[in-house]
C-alpha atoms as a PDB file:
ATOM      1  CA  UNK A   1       0.000   0.000   0.000  1.00  0.00           C
ATOM      2  CA  UNK A   2       0.949   3.640  -0.393  1.00  0.00           C
ATOM      3  CA  UNK A   3       0.788   5.900   2.631  1.00  0.00           C
ATOM      4  CA  UNK A   4       0.995   9.595   3.413  1.00  0.00           C
ATOM      5  CA  UNK A   5       2.770  10.754   6.561  1.00  0.00           C
ATOM      6  CA  UNK A   6      -0.488  11.642   8.294  1.00  0.00           C
ATOM      7  CA  UNK A   7      -1.835   8.109   7.681  1.00  0.00           C
ATOM      8  CA  UNK A   8       1.043   6.208   9.255  1.00  0.00           C
ATOM      9  CA  UNK A   9      -0.101   6.359  12.888  1.00  0.00           C
ATOM     10  CA  UNK A  10      -3.545   4.982  12.013  1.00  0.00           C
ATOM     11  CA  UNK A  11      -2.055   2.250   9.851  1.00  0.00           C
ATOM     12  CA  UNK A  12       0.292   1.140  12.631  1.00  0.00           C
ATOM     13  CA  UNK A  13      -2.629   0.899  15.053  1.00  0.00           C
ATOM     14  CA  UNK A  14      -4.540  -1.297  12.630  1.00  0.00           C
ATOM     15  CA  UNK A  15      -1.790  -3.637  11.469  1.00  0.00           C
ATOM     16  CA  UNK A  16       1.968  -4.076  11.589  1.00  0.00           C
ATOM     17  CA  UNK A  17       3.207  -4.848   8.084  1.00  0.00           C
ATOM     18  CA  UNK A  18       6.302  -6.949   7.320  1.00  0.00           C
ATOM     19  CA  UNK A  19       8.101  -4.333   5.213  1.00  0.00           C
ATOM     20  CA  UNK A  20       8.140  -0.533   5.074  1.00  0.00           C
ATOM     21  CA  UNK A  21       9.830   1.625   2.436  1.00  0.00           C
ATOM     22  CA  UNK A  22      10.436   5.222   3.579  1.00  0.00           C
ATOM     23  CA  UNK A  23      11.692   7.667   0.960  1.00  0.00           C
ATOM     24  CA  UNK A  24      12.231  11.395   0.522  1.00  0.00           C
ATOM     25  CA  UNK A  25      14.711  14.176   1.116  1.00  0.00           C
ATOM     26  CA  UNK A  26      13.147  15.596   4.290  1.00  0.00           C
ATOM     27  CA  UNK A  27      15.156  14.038   7.154  1.00  0.00           C
ATOM     28  CA  UNK A  28      12.897  14.909  10.095  1.00  0.00           C
ATOM     29  CA  UNK A  29       9.810  13.203   8.682  1.00  0.00           C
ATOM     30  CA  UNK A  30      11.860  10.200   7.569  1.00  0.00           C
ATOM     31  CA  UNK A  31      13.368   9.853  11.035  1.00  0.00           C
ATOM     32  CA  UNK A  32      10.067  10.208  12.853  1.00  0.00           C
ATOM     33  CA  UNK A  33       8.300   7.767  10.525  1.00  0.00           C
ATOM     34  CA  UNK A  34      11.031   5.205  11.159  1.00  0.00           C
ATOM     35  CA  UNK A  35      10.872   5.795  14.915  1.00  0.00           C
ATOM     36  CA  UNK A  36       7.086   5.331  14.912  1.00  0.00           C
ATOM     37  CA  UNK A  37       7.354   2.042  13.027  1.00  0.00           C
ATOM     38  CA  UNK A  38      10.065   0.725  15.339  1.00  0.00           C
ATOM     39  CA  UNK A  39       8.104   1.734  18.430  1.00  0.00           C
ATOM     40  CA  UNK A  40       5.027  -0.094  17.137  1.00  0.00           C
ATOM     41  CA  UNK A  41       7.176  -3.124  16.312  1.00  0.00           C
ATOM     42  CA  UNK A  42       8.764  -3.112  19.794  1.00  0.00           C
ATOM     43  CA  UNK A  43       5.285  -3.197  21.328  1.00  0.00           C
ATOM     44  CA  UNK A  44       4.626  -6.349  19.269  1.00  0.00           C
ATOM     45  CA  UNK A  45       7.753  -8.103  20.517  1.00  0.00           C
ATOM     46  CA  UNK A  46      10.393  -7.091  17.969  1.00  0.00           C
ATOM     47  CA  UNK A  47      13.102  -6.696  20.562  1.00  0.00           C
ATOM     48  CA  UNK A  48      16.227  -6.876  18.421  1.00  0.00           C
ATOM     49  CA  UNK A  49      17.383  -4.615  15.607  1.00  0.00           C
ATOM     50  CA  UNK A  50      20.277  -4.487  13.200  1.00  0.00           C
ATOM     51  CA  UNK A  51      21.160  -1.812  10.667  1.00  0.00           C
ATOM     52  CA  UNK A  52      23.033  -1.851   7.362  1.00  0.00           C
ATOM     53  CA  UNK A  53      24.274   0.991   5.190  1.00  0.00           C
ATOM     54  CA  UNK A  54      23.848   0.134   1.522  1.00  0.00           C
ATOM     55  CA  UNK A  55      26.931   1.603  -0.144  1.00  0.00           C
ATOM     56  CA  UNK A  56      29.423   0.351  -2.716  1.00  0.00           C
ATOM     57  CA  UNK A  57      30.843  -2.125  -0.208  1.00  0.00           C
ATOM     58  CA  UNK A  58      27.525  -3.659   0.827  1.00  0.00           C
ATOM     59  CA  UNK A  59      27.075  -7.307  -0.073  1.00  0.00           C
ATOM     60  CA  UNK A  60      23.439  -8.188  -0.757  1.00  0.00           C
ATOM     61  CA  UNK A  61      23.793 -11.713   0.586  1.00  0.00           C
ATOM     62  CA  UNK A  62      24.060 -10.045   4.014  1.00  0.00           C
ATOM     63  CA  UNK A  63      20.328  -9.378   3.814  1.00  0.00           C
ATOM     64  CA  UNK A  64      19.538 -13.081   3.613  1.00  0.00           C
ATOM     65  CA  UNK A  65      22.146 -13.860   6.263  1.00  0.00           C
ATOM     66  CA  UNK A  66      20.567 -11.378   8.664  1.00  0.00           C
ATOM     67  CA  UNK A  67      17.244 -13.161   8.500  1.00  0.00           C
ATOM     68  CA  UNK A  68      18.870 -16.496   9.260  1.00  0.00           C
ATOM     69  CA  UNK A  69      21.197 -15.440  12.075  1.00  0.00           C
ATOM     70  CA  UNK A  70      18.629 -15.188  14.856  1.00  0.00           C
ATOM     71  CA  UNK A  71      19.649 -14.406  18.415  1.00  0.00           C
ATOM     72  CA  UNK A  72      19.185 -16.997  21.143  1.00  0.00           C
ATOM     73  CA  UNK A  73      17.292 -14.438  23.211  1.00  0.00           C
ATOM     74  CA  UNK A  74      15.105 -12.736  20.591  1.00  0.00           C
ATOM     75  CA  UNK A  75      12.433 -14.303  18.476  1.00  0.00           C
ATOM     76  CA  UNK A  76      11.569 -11.227  16.395  1.00  0.00           C
ATOM     77  CA  UNK A  77      13.972  -8.902  14.651  1.00  0.00           C
ATOM     78  CA  UNK A  78      13.955  -5.634  12.696  1.00  0.00           C
ATOM     79  CA  UNK A  79      16.368  -5.297   9.787  1.00  0.00           C
ATOM     80  CA  UNK A  80      17.050  -1.732   8.657  1.00  0.00           C
ATOM     81  CA  UNK A  81      18.581  -0.893   5.303  1.00  0.00           C
ATOM     82  CA  UNK A  82      19.687   2.707   4.787  1.00  0.00           C
ATOM     83  CA  UNK A  83      20.067   3.126   1.038  1.00  0.00           C
ATOM     84  CA  UNK A  84      20.857   6.851   0.514  1.00  0.00           C
ATOM     85  CA  UNK A  85      20.844   6.732  -3.300  1.00  0.00           C
ATOM     86  CA  UNK A  86      17.506   4.909  -3.595  1.00  0.00           C
ATOM     87  CA  UNK A  87      19.094   2.695  -6.264  1.00  0.00           C
ATOM     88  CA  UNK A  88      19.927  -0.878  -5.238  1.00  0.00           C
ATOM     89  CA  UNK A  89      21.156  -1.866  -8.682  1.00  0.00           C
ATOM     90  CA  UNK A  90      20.213  -5.023 -10.568  1.00  0.00           C
ATOM     91  CA  UNK A  91      21.573  -7.445  -7.977  1.00  0.00           C
ATOM     92  CA  UNK A  92      20.140  -5.487  -5.081  1.00  0.00           C
ATOM     93  CA  UNK A  93      16.720  -5.205  -6.708  1.00  0.00           C
ATOM     94  CA  UNK A  94      16.577  -8.970  -7.206  1.00  0.00           C
ATOM     95  CA  UNK A  95      17.722  -9.587  -3.626  1.00  0.00           C
ATOM     96  CA  UNK A  96      15.030  -7.308  -2.191  1.00  0.00           C
ATOM     97  CA  UNK A  97      12.303  -8.928  -4.301  1.00  0.00           C
ATOM     98  CA  UNK A  98      13.384 -12.428  -3.288  1.00  0.00           C
ATOM     99  CA  UNK A  99      13.628 -11.470   0.373  1.00  0.00           C
ATOM    100  CA  UNK A 100      10.263  -9.679   0.549  1.00  0.00           C
ATOM    101  CA  UNK A 101       8.434 -12.456  -1.293  1.00  0.00           C
ATOM    102  CA  UNK A 102       9.659 -15.073   1.178  1.00  0.00           C
ATOM    103  CA  UNK A 103      10.126 -13.124   4.388  1.00  0.00           C
ATOM    104  CA  UNK A 104      10.214 -15.033   7.678  1.00  0.00           C
ATOM    105  CA  UNK A 105       7.259 -14.138   9.888  1.00  0.00           C
ATOM    106  CA  UNK A 106       9.590 -13.137  12.711  1.00  0.00           C
ATOM    107  CA  UNK A 107      11.459 -10.513  10.674  1.00  0.00           C
ATOM    108  CA  UNK A 108      10.497  -6.945   9.748  1.00  0.00           C
ATOM    109  CA  UNK A 109      12.310  -4.993   7.035  1.00  0.00           C
ATOM    110  CA  UNK A 110      12.565  -1.181   6.985  1.00  0.00           C
ATOM    111  CA  UNK A 111      14.256   0.462   4.001  1.00  0.00           C
ATOM    112  CA  UNK A 112      15.099   4.174   4.024  1.00  0.00           C
ATOM    113  CA  UNK A 113      16.109   6.119   0.904  1.00  0.00           C
ATOM    114  CA  UNK A 114      17.164   9.783   0.955  1.00  0.00           C
ATOM    115  CA  UNK A 115      17.146  10.364  -2.812  1.00  0.00           C
ATOM    116  CA  UNK A 116      14.095   9.500  -4.862  1.00  0.00           C
ATOM    117  CA  UNK A 117      12.305  10.135  -8.114  1.00  0.00           C
ATOM    118  CA  UNK A 118       8.926   9.099  -9.468  1.00  0.00           C
ATOM    119  CA  UNK A 119      10.518   6.610 -11.869  1.00  0.00           C
ATOM    120  CA  UNK A 120      11.625   4.446  -8.946  1.00  0.00           C
ATOM    121  CA  UNK A 121       8.012   3.534  -8.273  1.00  0.00           C
ATOM    122  CA  UNK A 122       7.897   1.619 -11.552  1.00  0.00           C
ATOM    123  CA  UNK A 123      10.670  -0.779 -10.538  1.00  0.00           C
ATOM    124  CA  UNK A 124       9.859  -4.355  -9.552  1.00  0.00           C
ATOM    125  CA  UNK A 125      11.388  -4.128  -6.081  1.00  0.00           C
ATOM    126  CA  UNK A 126       9.283  -1.094  -5.174  1.00  0.00           C
ATOM    127  CA  UNK A 127       6.110  -2.624  -6.619  1.00  0.00           C
ATOM    128  CA  UNK A 128       6.783  -5.771  -4.576  1.00  0.00           C
ATOM    129  CA  UNK A 129       7.071  -3.748  -1.367  1.00  0.00           C
ATOM    130  CA  UNK A 130       3.867  -1.837  -2.171  1.00  0.00           C
ATOM    131  CA  UNK A 131       2.107  -5.188  -2.655  1.00  0.00           C
ATOM    132  CA  UNK A 132       3.481  -6.851   0.478  1.00  0.00           C
ATOM    133  CA  UNK A 133       3.942  -3.888   2.805  1.00  0.00           C
ATOM    134  CA  UNK A 134       3.869  -0.086   2.800  1.00  0.00           C
ATOM    135  CA  UNK A 135       5.520   2.677   0.779  1.00  0.00           C
ATOM    136  CA  UNK A 136       5.672   6.139   2.330  1.00  0.00           C
ATOM    137  CA  UNK A 137       7.171   9.153   0.601  1.00  0.00           C
ATOM    138  CA  UNK A 138       7.744  12.330   2.601  1.00  0.00           C
ATOM    139  CA  UNK A 139       7.768  15.817   1.136  1.00  0.00           C
ATOM    140  CA  UNK A 140       9.112  19.159   2.262  1.00  0.00           C
ATOM    141  CA  UNK A 141       6.034  21.301   3.026  1.00  0.00           C
ATOM    142  CA  UNK A 142       5.510  24.159   0.598  1.00  0.00           C
ATOM    143  CA  UNK A 143       5.578  27.721   1.898  1.00  0.00           C
ATOM    144  CA  UNK A 144       1.775  27.847   2.032  1.00  0.00           C
ATOM    145  CA  UNK A 145       1.623  24.525   3.934  1.00  0.00           C
ATOM    146  CA  UNK A 146       4.281  25.286   6.544  1.00  0.00           C
ATOM    147  CA  UNK A 147       2.104  27.422   8.897  1.00  0.00           C
ATOM    148  CA  UNK A 148      -0.342  24.538   9.281  1.00  0.00           C
ATOM    149  CA  UNK A 149       2.556  22.103   9.910  1.00  0.00           C
ATOM    150  CA  UNK A 150       3.924  24.410  12.621  1.00  0.00           C
ATOM    151  CA  UNK A 151       0.461  24.818  14.151  1.00  0.00           C
ATOM    152  CA  UNK A 152      -0.051  21.045  14.331  1.00  0.00           C
ATOM    153  CA  UNK A 153       3.455  20.534  15.717  1.00  0.00           C
ATOM    154  CA  UNK A 154       2.803  23.100  18.439  1.00  0.00           C
ATOM    155  CA  UNK A 155      -0.440  21.369  19.373  1.00  0.00           C
ATOM    156  CA  UNK A 156       1.308  17.994  19.574  1.00  0.00           C
ATOM    157  CA  UNK A 157       3.913  19.269  22.054  1.00  0.00           C
ATOM    158  CA  UNK A 158       1.524  21.506  23.996  1.00  0.00           C
ATOM    159  CA  UNK A 159       3.029  24.830  22.885  1.00  0.00           C
ATOM    160  CA  UNK A 160       0.674  27.821  22.687  1.00  0.00           C
ATOM    161  CA  UNK A 161       1.483  30.286  19.905  1.00  0.00           C
ATOM    162  CA  UNK A 162      -0.377  33.195  18.342  1.00  0.00           C
ATOM    163  CA  UNK A 163      -0.800  33.854  14.618  1.00  0.00           C
ATOM    164  CA  UNK A 164       2.073  36.345  14.475  1.00  0.00           C
ATOM    165  CA  UNK A 165       4.393  33.759  15.993  1.00  0.00           C
ATOM    166  CA  UNK A 166       3.336  31.138  13.451  1.00  0.00           C
ATOM    167  CA  UNK A 167       3.855  33.566  10.574  1.00  0.00           C
ATOM    168  CA  UNK A 168       7.351  34.526  11.735  1.00  0.00           C
ATOM    169  CA  UNK A 169       8.318  30.936  12.481  1.00  0.00           C
ATOM    170  CA  UNK A 170       7.188  29.954   8.984  1.00  0.00           C
ATOM    171  CA  UNK A 171       9.302  32.656   7.377  1.00  0.00           C
ATOM    172  CA  UNK A 172      12.440  31.934   9.404  1.00  0.00           C
ATOM    173  CA  UNK A 173      12.269  28.142   9.314  1.00  0.00           C
ATOM    174  CA  UNK A 174      11.031  27.406   5.781  1.00  0.00           C
ATOM    175  CA  UNK A 175      12.669  24.401   4.182  1.00  0.00           C
ATOM    176  CA  UNK A 176      14.252  23.216   7.434  1.00  0.00           C
ATOM    177  CA  UNK A 177      11.833  21.100   9.468  1.00  0.00           C
ATOM    178  CA  UNK A 178      14.589  19.750  11.684  1.00  0.00           C
ATOM    179  CA  UNK A 179      15.505  23.265  12.809  1.00  0.00           C
ATOM    180  CA  UNK A 180      11.794  24.047  13.156  1.00  0.00           C
ATOM    181  CA  UNK A 181      11.216  21.087  15.482  1.00  0.00           C
ATOM    182  CA  UNK A 182      14.250  22.024  17.566  1.00  0.00           C
ATOM    183  CA  UNK A 183      13.216  25.669  17.882  1.00  0.00           C
ATOM    184  CA  UNK A 184       9.691  24.709  18.919  1.00  0.00           C
ATOM    185  CA  UNK A 185      11.077  22.441  21.633  1.00  0.00           C
ATOM    186  CA  UNK A 186      13.252  25.303  22.890  1.00  0.00           C
ATOM    187  CA  UNK A 187      10.242  27.614  22.984  1.00  0.00           C
ATOM    188  CA  UNK A 188       8.302  24.964  24.877  1.00  0.00           C
ATOM    189  CA  UNK A 189      11.046  24.681  27.493  1.00  0.00           C
ATOM    190  CA  UNK A 190      11.294  28.454  27.893  1.00  0.00           C
ATOM    191  CA  UNK A 191       7.635  29.407  27.909  1.00  0.00           C
ATOM    192  CA  UNK A 192       5.927  26.238  29.213  1.00  0.00           C
ATOM    193  CA  UNK A 193       2.228  27.125  29.451  1.00  0.00           C
ATOM    194  CA  UNK A 194       2.612  30.768  28.385  1.00  0.00           C
ATOM    195  CA  UNK A 195       1.340  32.033  25.043  1.00  0.00           C
ATOM    196  CA  UNK A 196       4.246  32.637  22.649  1.00  0.00           C
ATOM    197  CA  UNK A 197       3.882  35.825  20.582  1.00  0.00           C
ATOM    198  CA  UNK A 198       5.501  37.071  17.428  1.00  0.00           C
ATOM    199  CA  UNK A 199       7.681  39.394  19.510  1.00  0.00           C
ATOM    200  CA  UNK A 200       8.964  36.424  21.512  1.00  0.00           C
ATOM    201  CA  UNK A 201       9.875  34.582  18.319  1.00  0.00           C
ATOM    202  CA  UNK A 202      11.569  37.656  16.821  1.00  0.00           C
ATOM    203  CA  UNK A 203      13.916  37.818  19.758  1.00  0.00           C
ATOM    204  CA  UNK A 204      14.760  34.146  20.097  1.00  0.00           C
ATOM    205  CA  UNK A 205      14.434  32.226  16.814  1.00  0.00           C
ATOM    206  CA  UNK A 206      17.232  32.628  14.276  1.00  0.00           C
ATOM    207  CA  UNK A 207      16.632  32.710  10.541  1.00  0.00           C
ATOM    208  CA  UNK A 208      17.226  29.050   9.637  1.00  0.00           C
ATOM    209  CA  UNK A 209      15.281  28.944   6.388  1.00  0.00           C
ATOM    210  CA  UNK A 210      16.709  26.712   3.691  1.00  0.00           C
ATOM    211  CA  UNK A 211      15.753  27.143   0.085  1.00  0.00           C
ATOM    212  CA  UNK A 212      16.550  25.583  -3.247  1.00  0.00           C
ATOM    213  CA  UNK A 213      16.344  26.746  -6.839  1.00  0.00           C
ATOM    214  CA  UNK A 214      12.922  25.149  -7.280  1.00  0.00           C
ATOM    215  CA  UNK A 215      11.421  27.304  -4.525  1.00  0.00           C
ATOM    216  CA  UNK A 216      13.003  30.274  -6.245  1.00  0.00           C
ATOM    217  CA  UNK A 217      11.309  29.531  -9.555  1.00  0.00           C
ATOM    218  CA  UNK A 218       8.023  28.758  -7.789  1.00  0.00           C
ATOM    219  CA  UNK A 219       8.075  32.189  -6.152  1.00  0.00           C
ATOM    220  CA  UNK A 220       8.684  33.798  -9.549  1.00  0.00           C
ATOM    221  CA  UNK A 221       5.691  32.067 -11.076  1.00  0.00           C
ATOM    222  CA  UNK A 222       3.618  33.225  -8.119  1.00  0.00           C
ATOM    223  CA  UNK A 223       4.771  36.832  -8.717  1.00  0.00           C
ATOM    224  CA  UNK A 224       6.357  37.058  -5.267  1.00  0.00           C
ATOM    225  CA  UNK A 225       9.339  39.265  -6.030  1.00  0.00           C
ATOM    226  CA  UNK A 226      10.276  40.015  -2.416  1.00  0.00           C
ATOM    227  CA  UNK A 227      10.259  36.339  -1.494  1.00  0.00           C
ATOM    228  CA  UNK A 228      12.242  35.476  -4.623  1.00  0.00           C
ATOM    229  CA  UNK A 229      14.987  37.927  -3.674  1.00  0.00           C
ATOM    230  CA  UNK A 230      15.039  36.596  -0.113  1.00  0.00           C
ATOM    231  CA  UNK A 231      15.460  33.062  -1.444  1.00  0.00           C
ATOM    232  CA  UNK A 232      18.227  34.203  -3.794  1.00  0.00           C
ATOM    233  CA  UNK A 233      20.108  35.820  -0.919  1.00  0.00           C
ATOM    234  CA  UNK A 234      19.693  32.678   1.156  1.00  0.00           C
ATOM    235  CA  UNK A 235      21.106  30.591  -1.690  1.00  0.00           C
ATOM    236  CA  UNK A 236      24.089  32.929  -1.874  1.00  0.00           C
ATOM    237  CA  UNK A 237      24.589  32.704   1.888  1.00  0.00           C
ATOM    238  CA  UNK A 238      24.596  28.905   1.645  1.00  0.00           C
ATOM    239  CA  UNK A 239      27.196  28.960  -1.160  1.00  0.00           C
ATOM    240  CA  UNK A 240      24.924  27.677  -3.913  1.00  0.00           C
ATOM    241  CA  UNK A 241      26.887  28.298  -7.134  1.00  0.00           C
ATOM    242  CA  UNK A 242      25.365  31.052  -9.308  1.00  0.00           C
ATOM    243  CA  UNK A 243      25.673  28.741 -12.309  1.00  0.00           C
ATOM    244  CA  UNK A 244      23.130  26.380 -10.709  1.00  0.00           C
ATOM    245  CA  UNK A 245      20.688  29.229 -10.113  1.00  0.00           C
ATOM    246  CA  UNK A 246      21.212  30.517 -13.651  1.00  0.00           C
ATOM    247  CA  UNK A 247      20.489  27.048 -15.023  1.00  0.00           C
ATOM    248  CA  UNK A 248      17.121  26.929 -13.235  1.00  0.00           C
ATOM    249  CA  UNK A 249      16.128  30.434 -14.312  1.00  0.00           C
ATOM    250  CA  UNK A 250      17.146  29.857 -17.913  1.00  0.00           C
ATOM    251  CA  UNK A 251      15.319  26.539 -18.096  1.00  0.00           C
ATOM    252  CA  UNK A 252      12.023  28.042 -16.921  1.00  0.00           C
ATOM    253  CA  UNK A 253      12.393  31.166 -19.073  1.00  0.00           C
ATOM    254  CA  UNK A 254      13.210  29.170 -22.191  1.00  0.00           C
ATOM    255  CA  UNK A 255      10.122  27.058 -21.519  1.00  0.00           C
ATOM    256  CA  UNK A 256       7.984  30.207 -21.304  1.00  0.00           C
ATOM    257  CA  UNK A 257       9.492  31.479 -24.559  1.00  0.00           C
ATOM    258  CA  UNK A 258       8.637  28.229 -26.320  1.00  0.00           C
ATOM    259  CA  UNK A 259       5.069  28.226 -25.023  1.00  0.00           C
ATOM    260  CA  UNK A 260       4.573  31.923 -25.790  1.00  0.00           C
ATOM    261  CA  UNK A 261       5.849  31.305 -29.327  1.00  0.00           C
ATOM    262  CA  UNK A 262       3.153  28.660 -29.792  1.00  0.00           C
ATOM    263  CA  UNK A 263       0.521  31.163 -28.716  1.00  0.00           C
ATOM    264  CA  UNK A 264       1.947  33.822 -31.014  1.00  0.00           C
ATOM    265  CA  UNK A 265       1.078  31.502 -33.897  1.00  0.00           C
ATOM    266  CA  UNK A 266      -2.591  31.858 -32.985  1.00  0.00           C
ATOM    267  CA  UNK A 267      -3.027  28.449 -31.405  1.00  0.00           C
ATOM    268  CA  UNK A 268      -3.533  27.290 -27.850  1.00  0.00           C
ATOM    269  CA  UNK A 269      -0.956  25.337 -25.926  1.00  0.00           C
ATOM    270  CA  UNK A 270      -2.134  21.723 -26.007  1.00  0.00           C
ATOM    271  CA  UNK A 271      -1.659  18.861 -23.526  1.00  0.00           C
ATOM    272  CA  UNK A 272       0.692  17.343 -26.103  1.00  0.00           C
ATOM    273  CA  UNK A 273       2.857  20.482 -25.955  1.00  0.00           C
ATOM    274  CA  UNK A 274       3.063  20.223 -22.185  1.00  0.00           C
ATOM    275  CA  UNK A 275       3.970  16.534 -22.390  1.00  0.00           C
ATOM    276  CA  UNK A 276       6.647  17.223 -24.979  1.00  0.00           C
ATOM    277  CA  UNK A 277       8.260  19.729 -22.621  1.00  0.00           C
ATOM    278  CA  UNK A 278       7.962  17.458 -19.611  1.00  0.00           C
ATOM    279  CA  UNK A 279       5.585  19.773 -17.733  1.00  0.00           C
ATOM    280  CA  UNK A 280       3.498  17.985 -15.116  1.00  0.00           C
ATOM    281  CA  UNK A 281      -0.228  18.551 -15.053  1.00  0.00           C
ATOM    282  CA  UNK A 282      -0.185  20.128 -11.596  1.00  0.00           C
ATOM    283  CA  UNK A 283       2.044  22.958 -12.930  1.00  0.00           C
ATOM    284  CA  UNK A 284       0.082  23.716 -16.074  1.00  0.00           C
ATOM    285  CA  UNK A 285      -2.435  26.088 -14.486  1.00  0.00           C
ATOM    286  CA  UNK A 286       0.185  28.366 -12.922  1.00  0.00           C
ATOM    287  CA  UNK A 287       2.250  28.344 -16.128  1.00  0.00           C
ATOM    288  CA  UNK A 288      -0.836  29.303 -18.110  1.00  0.00           C
ATOM    289  CA  UNK A 289      -1.421  32.200 -15.711  1.00  0.00           C
ATOM    290  CA  UNK A 290       2.160  33.413 -16.127  1.00  0.00           C
ATOM    291  CA  UNK A 291       1.893  33.182 -19.916  1.00  0.00           C
ATOM    292  CA  UNK A 292      -1.248  35.316 -19.831  1.00  0.00           C
ATOM    293  CA  UNK A 293       0.577  38.054 -17.915  1.00  0.00           C
ATOM    294  CA  UNK A 294       3.166  38.985 -20.569  1.00  0.00           C
ATOM    295  CA  UNK A 295       3.738  38.761 -24.338  1.00  0.00           C
ATOM    296  CA  UNK A 296       6.467  36.734 -26.023  1.00  0.00           C
ATOM    297  CA  UNK A 297       8.714  39.806 -26.242  1.00  0.00           C
ATOM    298  CA  UNK A 298       8.917  40.035 -22.439  1.00  0.00           C
ATOM    299  CA  UNK A 299      10.161  36.480 -22.045  1.00  0.00           C
ATOM    300  CA  UNK A 300      12.631  36.945 -24.903  1.00  0.00           C
ATOM    301  CA  UNK A 301      14.078  40.001 -23.134  1.00  0.00           C
ATOM    302  CA  UNK A 302      14.350  37.980 -19.903  1.00  0.00           C
ATOM    303  CA  UNK A 303      16.196  35.256 -21.779  1.00  0.00           C
ATOM    304  CA  UNK A 304      18.574  37.794 -23.327  1.00  0.00           C
ATOM    305  CA  UNK A 305      19.295  39.265 -19.891  1.00  0.00           C
ATOM    306  CA  UNK A 306      20.136  35.792 -18.613  1.00  0.00           C
ATOM    307  CA  UNK A 307      22.668  35.530 -21.432  1.00  0.00           C
ATOM    308  CA  UNK A 308      24.393  38.622 -20.033  1.00  0.00           C
ATOM    309  CA  UNK A 309      24.344  37.151 -16.519  1.00  0.00           C
ATOM    310  CA  UNK A 310      25.880  33.962 -17.869  1.00  0.00           C
ATOM    311  CA  UNK A 311      28.745  36.019 -19.286  1.00  0.00           C
ATOM    312  CA  UNK A 312      29.214  37.679 -15.874  1.00  0.00           C
ATOM    313  CA  UNK A 313      29.398  34.267 -14.204  1.00  0.00           C
ATOM    314  CA  UNK A 314      32.076  33.205 -16.694  1.00  0.00           C
ATOM    315  CA  UNK A 315      34.030  36.448 -16.271  1.00  0.00           C
ATOM    316  CA  UNK A 316      33.409  37.611 -19.833  1.00  0.00           C
ATOM    317  CA  UNK A 317      31.310  40.625 -18.813  1.00  0.00           C
ATOM    318  CA  UNK A 318      31.917  43.085 -15.991  1.00  0.00           C
ATOM    319  CA  UNK A 319      29.288  43.324 -13.290  1.00  0.00           C
ATOM    320  CA  UNK A 320      28.006  41.930  -9.992  1.00  0.00           C
ATOM    321  CA  UNK A 321      26.330  38.601 -10.761  1.00  0.00           C
ATOM    322  CA  UNK A 322      24.171  38.517  -7.628  1.00  0.00           C
ATOM    323  CA  UNK A 323      22.913  42.093  -8.019  1.00  0.00           C
ATOM    324  CA  UNK A 324      22.205  41.398 -11.674  1.00  0.00           C
ATOM    325  CA  UNK A 325      20.131  38.341 -10.737  1.00  0.00           C
ATOM    326  CA  UNK A 326      18.162  40.357  -8.165  1.00  0.00           C
ATOM    327  CA  UNK A 327      17.369  42.951 -10.826  1.00  0.00           C
ATOM    328  CA  UNK A 328      16.417  40.146 -13.205  1.00  0.00           C
ATOM    329  CA  UNK A 329      13.968  38.711 -10.651  1.00  0.00           C
ATOM    330  CA  UNK A 330      12.252  42.083 -10.338  1.00  0.00           C
ATOM    331  CA  UNK A 331      12.007  42.440 -14.107  1.00  0.00           C
ATOM    332  CA  UNK A 332      10.571  38.932 -14.430  1.00  0.00           C
ATOM    333  CA  UNK A 333       7.738  39.583 -11.984  1.00  0.00           C
ATOM    334  CA  UNK A 334       6.721  43.036 -13.269  1.00  0.00           C
END
């Protein structure tokens, strides 16, 4: 079965499955999902646990050996495989399928993957786990979803916060749930049963937001120039190479140019056009809105400006790359 994070607790109450696959690049949710599964397993008598890191030196026969080497004092065991890449390879895939299809009843398997893409779900080993156990993929909450996550987290730990506090926490902790959880625990220890206000947060919680180039492009499409510049400055602070940022901006702008060119030929952008460009359906509405806001000439000018920024990055044109990108962001959204 496939699960969302908010379904895991209910599922564990109903039934303990033999295998769980936890994937995603958000470490806090991955850790807490794994902890919840292991706690539920411990309550059912799984008193022994062993862990393996799946790297280039890992031998897949160790998985079968682990199931057979039972302790004299434990009758049920958890085997954890941490596979950071999410790619077991041909031999590993076959080993996982064989193991899951003939698992001993006194063994539970938990696999954790930090890198993941949608194509992995089509592989046989993942399909086998979905059939025999549970697959849970965690996601980093979007900016609009983070306030609700913080509100629920506060309720779960008994921390009282007002709306201003939630808004400021969301801004300062976006993209970094681990820091968010830690800061909320600190606030809980300091304020106990007292209502935490925005002023309290302003004085105590550092700006620990983490962003990536995809959040930057999302903010552009949402016409949030101020947020886009804040994200850009955060990327600079965290030593993200300007060439990576330029790549993301150029990719999205070139896409808009191509789509606007189609419209300039007096025809609508079709689902086939979106598929050809690899644009997912859930992005098509916002892209259509952006296209409606400006003519083809605007996107062509944006693309030309990115060419100048590329020359700055390569040292072929004088200028401050970061200031040029900030100006470009403003021009894009106006």
